[in-house]
Protein backbone atom coordinates (compact mmCIF):
# COMPACT_ATOMS: atom_id res chain seq x y z
CA MET A 1 1.31 -7.43 0.67
CA LYS A 2 2.81 -6.76 4.59
CA TYR A 3 5.59 -10.11 4.23
CA ALA A 4 7.10 -7.84 1.23
CA ASP A 5 10.88 -6.37 0.72
CA LYS A 6 9.51 -3.70 -0.05
CA ILE A 7 6.02 -2.49 -2.18
CA LEU A 8 5.50 -0.26 -5.38
CA PHE A 9 2.26 1.52 -5.15
CA LEU A 10 1.16 2.45 -8.85
CA GLN A 11 -1.86 4.59 -9.63
CA ASN A 12 -3.18 5.38 -13.51
CA GLY A 13 0.25 4.38 -14.03
CA ARG A 14 2.73 7.16 -11.62
CA ILE A 15 4.48 5.87 -8.52
CA LEU A 16 2.70 6.55 -5.34
CA GLY A 17 5.21 5.00 -3.22
CA PHE A 18 7.85 2.13 -3.21
CA ASP A 19 8.82 0.78 0.72
CA THR A 20 7.75 -1.38 3.62
CA HIS A 21 4.07 -2.09 4.17
CA GLU A 22 4.72 -0.89 7.84
CA LYS A 23 6.07 3.36 5.82
CA LEU A 24 3.61 2.80 2.94
CA ILE A 25 0.18 2.63 5.67
CA ARG A 26 2.13 5.04 7.52
CA ARG A 27 2.88 8.19 5.70
CA ASN A 28 1.07 7.41 2.18
CA ALA A 29 -2.87 8.08 2.02
CA ASP A 30 -3.85 6.41 -1.10
CA TYR A 31 -1.70 3.27 -0.31
CA ARG A 32 -3.74 3.27 3.58
CA ASN A 33 -7.05 3.82 2.29
CA MET A 34 -6.55 1.29 -0.83
CA TYR A 35 -4.85 -1.91 1.93
CA ASN A 36 -7.64 -1.18 4.21
CA LEU A 37 -10.46 -1.27 1.25
CA GLN A 38 -9.40 -4.45 0.81
CA LYS A 39 -8.27 -5.80 3.90
CA ASP A 40 -11.38 -6.91 4.49
CA THR A 41 -12.67 -8.58 1.84
CA TYR A 42 -10.09 -11.19 2.54
CA ILE A 43 -11.11 -10.76 6.48
């Protein structure tokens, strides 16, 4: 996800964000929480 130009972040069919990974991490708590939960799986 970090290497995409833009990410469309959906939850329950609703758009919660559309931006770069860096901006979503900084500005969107739901995206940040989802990312942090998943990143530990791939380390």
